[in-house]
Amino acid sequence: MPRVPGTFGGGELRTRLDQRRERHPASVPEPRPTASDDILPALATLPSVRRPTERTLDHIRGEVNTYCVTDSRTLLLDAAAEEFARHGLKGSRVQSIVQRAGVNERMIYHHFGSKERLYAAVVDHLRGRSGAGMARHIERANGLGPYAGMRHVLTGMFDDFHAHPELIAIFLHEGLAGQDISPFPAAQDLPSGLREIYEAGQRAGTFLAYRPFEIAYLTCVGALVGLSTYFAQRFAQSLGRPDLADPEYVRDQIISQLIDGLTGPNHGPPSP
C-alpha cells in the first residue's frame, strides 16, 4: 500500500480548498464557522490526498468552459461535497457551492433541481467512489489467502477514508443533527467479495467461526472511520513516541490490532 503522507506527522495539514484559496484568494470564500466546527474541528483541516492522475477543480476549469454541461456537473459535485462536509445539508449555501465550483447558480437547478437533490447526488457520487475503491481492493486480495487478503482490504479502506474524508464528514453531520437522510446498507448490500474472504477464513480456522461477518464488518468499518481521519492522528501526536510519528507504521499497527482481533483467541462466543 502506498504511504499516506501527513496522516500523523507534525506538518501543516491543508485541504484542497485552502490550497485553492492561496492561489486564487478572490475565488474561494473563507469558511463560515458553525456549531459543528467546534464539535468536529478536524473536518476543516483534514488533508485531502489526490493521486497524480486525478484532476483538480482548477485543472478542469483551465481546460474547458466551466459552463459546459458535463464539466459543470462534475465541478458542482466536487464543490458541494466539500461544502456539505464542512457545514452539512442545512448549513450549506447554494451561493457558496457555486462560488467554489466557479459556475453559474442556474447550473445547480439545471442538473439537480434543488439543493436537497444535489445533496443526494453528492452522497451517491461519494458512495460510488468508495464502492469502486472497495472493489479494487477485493480484486487484488483474491488469491492472497484469508488473513493477507483481509489485511489488504482493511489497509486500502484506511487509506481511502483518509484520502477522501468527505463522506464520513457528511454522515457525522447527519448524526449530530439527528437527521436520517442517507440510509445505511442492509446486510445483503455489504461487499460480497469481502464476505467470501472472511467466511473462507472461518472455514479454514483463521477467523473465529462464531463471529458473523456483519459484526466483523461493523467493527472494522467503525474503527477505520474514526482512526483514519482524526482521532488516531491527534492521539498518536500527544503520546510523544518517535515511532508514532510515522503514519505508515501507525496505520499498520491499527490494522494489525483489528485483524488479530478477528482471529482469536478462540475461547468461544461471549456469554450473554
Protein backbone atom coordinates (compact mmCIF):
# COMPACT_ATOMS: atom_id res chain seq x y z
CA MET A 1 0.00 0.00 0.00
CA PRO A 2 1.32 3.48 -0.81
CA ARG A 3 2.41 5.62 2.07
CA VAL A 4 -0.11 8.27 3.08
CA PRO A 5 1.87 11.43 3.84
CA GLY A 6 0.84 13.79 6.59
CA THR A 7 -1.55 11.48 8.37
CA PHE A 8 0.04 11.66 11.80
CA GLY A 9 3.09 13.90 11.28
CA GLY A 10 3.52 17.38 12.69
CA GLY A 11 3.37 19.20 9.35
CA GLU A 12 0.69 21.65 8.38
CA LEU A 13 -2.48 19.96 7.16
CA ARG A 14 -4.41 21.73 4.46
CA THR A 15 -7.48 20.93 2.42
CA ARG A 16 -7.79 21.42 -1.30
CA LEU A 17 -9.88 24.50 -0.63
CA ASP A 18 -7.13 26.04 1.48
CA GLN A 19 -4.67 25.46 -1.32
CA ARG A 20 -7.06 26.97 -3.86
CA ARG A 21 -7.63 29.95 -1.59
CA GLU A 22 -3.89 30.66 -1.53
CA ARG A 23 -3.62 30.53 -5.30
CA HIS A 24 -6.85 32.39 -6.06
CA PRO A 25 -7.88 34.44 -3.00
CA ALA A 26 -10.90 36.05 -4.64
CA SER A 27 -12.40 32.82 -5.95
CA VAL A 28 -12.93 30.90 -2.72
CA PRO A 29 -14.81 32.29 0.30
CA GLU A 30 -13.47 31.89 3.79
CA PRO A 31 -15.25 29.00 5.56
CA ARG A 32 -18.11 30.09 7.79
CA PRO A 33 -17.94 28.94 11.41
CA THR A 34 -20.70 26.60 12.52
CA ALA A 35 -21.56 24.76 15.69
CA SER A 36 -20.17 21.57 14.18
CA ASP A 37 -16.81 23.26 13.65
CA ASP A 38 -16.49 23.39 17.44
CA ILE A 39 -17.52 19.74 17.80
CA LEU A 40 -15.53 18.42 14.86
CA PRO A 41 -12.62 20.84 14.35
CA ALA A 42 -10.74 18.28 12.33
CA LEU A 43 -13.20 18.42 9.44
CA ALA A 44 -11.92 21.86 8.48
CA THR A 45 -8.30 20.75 8.46
CA LEU A 46 -8.31 17.20 7.17
CA PRO A 47 -5.82 16.72 4.34
CA SER A 48 -7.15 15.54 1.01
CA VAL A 49 -4.67 13.39 -0.87
CA ARG A 50 -5.11 13.09 -4.63
CA ARG A 51 -3.40 10.59 -6.85
CA PRO A 52 -1.28 12.15 -9.60
CA THR A 53 -3.75 11.08 -12.28
CA GLU A 54 -6.70 12.90 -10.72
CA ARG A 55 -7.63 16.36 -11.97
CA THR A 56 -8.29 19.16 -9.53
CA LEU A 57 -11.10 21.68 -9.97
CA ASP A 58 -8.55 24.23 -11.15
CA HIS A 59 -7.23 21.86 -13.81
CA ILE A 60 -10.72 21.18 -15.13
CA ARG A 61 -11.55 24.88 -15.08
CA GLY A 62 -8.42 25.68 -17.06
CA GLU A 63 -9.08 23.07 -19.71
CA VAL A 64 -12.76 23.58 -20.52
CA ASN A 65 -15.52 26.12 -20.41
CA THR A 66 -16.98 25.79 -16.93
CA TYR A 67 -20.48 26.26 -18.27
CA CYS A 68 -20.14 23.09 -20.35
CA VAL A 69 -22.93 20.84 -19.16
CA THR A 70 -20.84 17.77 -18.32
CA ASP A 71 -17.99 19.56 -16.60
CA SER A 72 -20.23 21.95 -14.68
CA ARG A 73 -21.96 18.94 -13.14
CA THR A 74 -18.60 17.47 -12.10
CA LEU A 75 -17.45 20.79 -10.67
CA LEU A 76 -20.67 21.15 -8.70
CA LEU A 77 -20.44 17.64 -7.26
CA ASP A 78 -16.86 18.20 -6.09
CA ALA A 79 -17.53 21.66 -4.69
CA ALA A 80 -20.75 20.57 -2.99
CA ALA A 81 -19.03 17.57 -1.41
CA GLU A 82 -16.56 19.90 0.31
CA GLU A 83 -19.27 22.36 1.32
CA PHE A 84 -21.54 19.66 2.73
CA ALA A 85 -18.57 18.07 4.53
CA ARG A 86 -17.85 21.39 6.24
CA HIS A 87 -21.38 22.54 7.05
CA GLY A 88 -23.84 19.70 6.50
CA LEU A 89 -27.01 19.98 4.44
CA LYS A 90 -28.73 22.72 6.42
CA GLY A 91 -25.64 24.83 6.95
CA SER A 92 -24.51 24.81 3.32
CA ARG A 93 -25.46 27.63 0.96
CA VAL A 94 -26.09 27.37 -2.75
CA GLN A 95 -24.13 30.59 -3.29
CA SER A 96 -21.06 29.13 -1.59
CA ILE A 97 -21.25 25.95 -3.65
CA VAL A 98 -21.43 27.72 -6.99
CA GLN A 99 -18.67 30.10 -5.95
CA ARG A 100 -16.44 27.17 -5.05
CA ALA A 101 -17.29 25.48 -8.35
CA GLY A 102 -16.92 28.65 -10.43
CA VAL A 103 -20.18 28.12 -12.32
CA ASN A 104 -23.47 29.95 -12.59
CA GLU A 105 -26.10 29.24 -9.94
CA ARG A 106 -28.62 28.16 -12.56
CA MET A 107 -26.49 25.08 -13.27
CA ILE A 108 -27.44 23.59 -9.89
CA TYR A 109 -31.11 23.72 -10.83
CA HIS A 110 -30.37 22.57 -14.37
CA HIS A 111 -28.52 19.45 -13.19
CA PHE A 112 -30.16 18.68 -9.86
CA GLY A 113 -33.32 20.75 -9.38
CA SER A 114 -32.65 21.72 -5.75
CA LYS A 115 -30.03 21.79 -3.02
CA GLU A 116 -31.56 18.67 -1.47
CA ARG A 117 -31.30 16.72 -4.71
CA LEU A 118 -27.73 17.95 -5.13
CA TYR A 119 -27.00 16.61 -1.64
CA ALA A 120 -28.44 13.20 -2.56
CA ALA A 121 -26.39 13.18 -5.76
CA VAL A 122 -23.23 14.02 -3.81
CA VAL A 123 -23.82 11.15 -1.36
CA ASP A 124 -24.45 8.76 -4.27
CA HIS A 125 -21.30 10.03 -6.01
CA LEU A 126 -19.13 9.59 -2.91
CA ARG A 127 -20.60 6.17 -2.18
CA GLY A 128 -19.92 5.12 -5.75
CA ARG A 129 -16.29 6.20 -5.44
CA SER A 130 -15.95 4.36 -2.13
CA GLY A 131 -17.54 1.23 -3.59
CA ALA A 132 -15.22 1.31 -6.62
CA GLY A 133 -12.23 1.53 -4.29
CA MET A 134 -13.52 -1.39 -2.24
CA ALA A 135 -13.99 -3.48 -5.40
CA ARG A 136 -10.37 -2.79 -6.44
CA HIS A 137 -9.04 -3.80 -3.04
CA ILE A 138 -11.08 -7.02 -3.00
CA GLU A 139 -9.97 -7.92 -6.53
CA ARG A 140 -6.32 -7.54 -5.54
CA ALA A 141 -6.93 -9.51 -2.32
CA ASN A 142 -8.21 -12.58 -4.15
CA GLY A 143 -5.55 -15.27 -4.07
CA LEU A 144 -3.70 -13.82 -1.08
CA GLY A 145 -5.38 -16.10 1.45
CA PRO A 146 -7.92 -15.02 4.06
CA TYR A 147 -5.57 -13.31 6.54
CA ALA A 148 -3.43 -11.47 3.98
CA GLY A 149 -6.48 -10.69 1.84
CA MET A 150 -8.42 -9.20 4.75
CA ARG A 151 -5.39 -7.18 5.79
CA HIS A 152 -5.00 -5.84 2.24
CA VAL A 153 -8.64 -4.73 2.07
CA LEU A 154 -8.61 -3.08 5.52
CA THR A 155 -5.41 -1.21 4.70
CA GLY A 156 -6.94 0.03 1.44
CA MET A 157 -10.07 1.17 3.29
CA PHE A 158 -7.94 3.08 5.81
CA ASP A 159 -6.07 4.89 3.03
CA ASP A 160 -9.29 5.67 1.15
CA PHE A 161 -11.03 7.08 4.23
CA HIS A 162 -8.01 9.25 4.94
CA ALA A 163 -7.63 10.49 1.36
CA HIS A 164 -11.35 11.22 0.88
CA PRO A 165 -12.98 12.05 4.24
CA GLU A 166 -15.95 13.94 2.79
CA LEU A 167 -18.48 11.11 3.06
CA ILE A 168 -17.50 10.42 6.67
CA ALA A 169 -17.89 14.10 7.50
CA ILE A 170 -21.32 14.23 5.84
CA PHE A 171 -22.54 11.21 7.83
CA LEU A 172 -21.20 12.74 11.06
CA HIS A 173 -23.15 15.94 10.36
CA GLU A 174 -26.31 13.90 9.85
CA GLY A 175 -25.77 12.01 13.08
CA LEU A 176 -25.03 15.11 15.15
CA ALA A 177 -28.09 16.86 13.75
CA GLY A 178 -30.34 13.85 14.41
CA GLN A 179 -31.09 13.55 10.70
CA ASP A 180 -31.84 10.28 8.91
CA ILE A 181 -31.22 11.32 5.33
CA SER A 182 -28.76 8.79 3.93
CA PRO A 183 -29.73 5.16 4.61
CA PHE A 184 -27.06 2.72 5.69
CA PRO A 185 -26.64 -0.55 3.79
CA ALA A 186 -28.59 -3.65 4.72
CA ALA A 187 -26.83 -6.96 5.35
CA GLN A 188 -27.32 -8.08 1.75
CA ASP A 189 -25.71 -4.87 0.50
CA LEU A 190 -22.39 -5.40 2.27
CA PRO A 191 -19.48 -6.24 -0.08
CA SER A 192 -19.96 -9.87 -1.09
CA GLY A 193 -16.32 -10.32 -2.08
CA LEU A 194 -15.14 -9.35 1.39
CA ARG A 195 -17.74 -11.67 2.92
CA GLU A 196 -16.31 -14.51 0.84
CA ILE A 197 -12.77 -13.79 2.07
CA TYR A 198 -13.95 -13.68 5.68
CA GLU A 199 -16.07 -16.81 5.51
CA ALA A 200 -13.25 -18.68 3.75
CA GLY A 201 -11.09 -17.71 6.71
CA GLN A 202 -13.72 -19.02 9.10
CA ARG A 203 -13.82 -22.38 7.30
CA ALA A 204 -10.03 -22.55 7.40
CA GLY A 205 -9.94 -21.74 11.09
CA THR A 206 -8.23 -18.38 10.54
CA PHE A 207 -11.12 -16.25 11.76
CA LEU A 208 -13.44 -17.00 14.66
CA ALA A 209 -16.20 -19.32 13.50
CA TYR A 210 -18.86 -17.93 15.83
CA ARG A 211 -18.47 -14.25 14.88
CA PRO A 212 -20.74 -13.34 11.93
CA PHE A 213 -19.38 -11.30 9.05
CA GLU A 214 -21.79 -8.45 9.78
CA ILE A 215 -20.32 -7.91 13.25
CA ALA A 216 -16.74 -8.15 11.97
CA TYR A 217 -17.50 -5.66 9.19
CA LEU A 218 -19.28 -3.22 11.52
CA THR A 219 -16.37 -3.33 13.97
CA CYS A 220 -13.70 -2.78 11.32
CA VAL A 221 -15.52 -0.02 9.46
CA GLY A 222 -16.42 1.78 12.69
CA ALA A 223 -12.81 1.69 13.85
CA LEU A 224 -11.38 2.75 10.49
CA VAL A 225 -13.81 5.67 10.13
CA GLY A 226 -12.62 7.22 13.37
CA LEU A 227 -8.98 6.20 13.35
CA SER A 228 -8.20 7.06 9.72
CA THR A 229 -9.38 10.66 9.88
CA TYR A 230 -8.86 12.41 13.18
CA PHE A 231 -8.66 10.59 16.49
CA ALA A 232 -5.58 8.44 15.89
CA GLN A 233 -3.68 11.38 14.40
CA ARG A 234 -4.22 13.60 17.44
CA PHE A 235 -3.80 10.81 19.97
CA ALA A 236 -0.59 9.50 18.40
CA GLN A 237 0.91 13.00 18.40
CA SER A 238 0.02 13.53 22.06
CA LEU A 239 1.83 10.37 23.20
CA GLY A 240 5.23 11.72 22.19
CA ARG A 241 6.64 8.38 20.99
CA PRO A 242 9.02 8.74 17.99
CA ASP A 243 7.71 5.60 16.29
CA LEU A 244 4.18 7.03 16.31
CA ALA A 245 5.34 9.94 14.16
CA ASP A 246 5.49 7.53 11.20
CA PRO A 247 1.98 7.47 9.61
CA GLU A 248 2.54 4.17 7.81
CA TYR A 249 3.70 2.46 10.99
CA VAL A 250 0.68 3.69 12.96
CA ARG A 251 -1.70 2.64 10.19
CA ASP A 252 -0.18 -0.85 10.06
CA GLN A 253 -0.40 -1.23 13.83
CA ILE A 254 -4.09 -0.24 13.76
CA ILE A 255 -4.80 -2.80 11.02
CA SER A 256 -2.89 -5.47 12.95
CA GLN A 257 -4.93 -4.76 16.07
CA LEU A 258 -8.15 -5.09 14.10
CA ILE A 259 -7.34 -8.20 12.12
CA ASP A 260 -5.76 -10.04 15.05
CA GLY A 261 -9.00 -9.41 16.92
CA LEU A 262 -10.76 -11.38 14.18
CA THR A 263 -8.51 -14.41 14.61
CA GLY A 264 -8.76 -15.26 18.31
CA PRO A 265 -8.09 -16.41 20.92
CA ASN A 266 -10.88 -18.89 20.27
CA HIS A 267 -12.48 -19.22 23.72
CA GLY A 268 -15.97 -19.46 22.26
CA PRO A 269 -18.64 -16.78 21.97
CA PRO A 270 -19.02 -14.27 24.79
CA SER A 271 -21.60 -15.00 27.46
CA PRO A 272 -24.99 -13.25 27.08
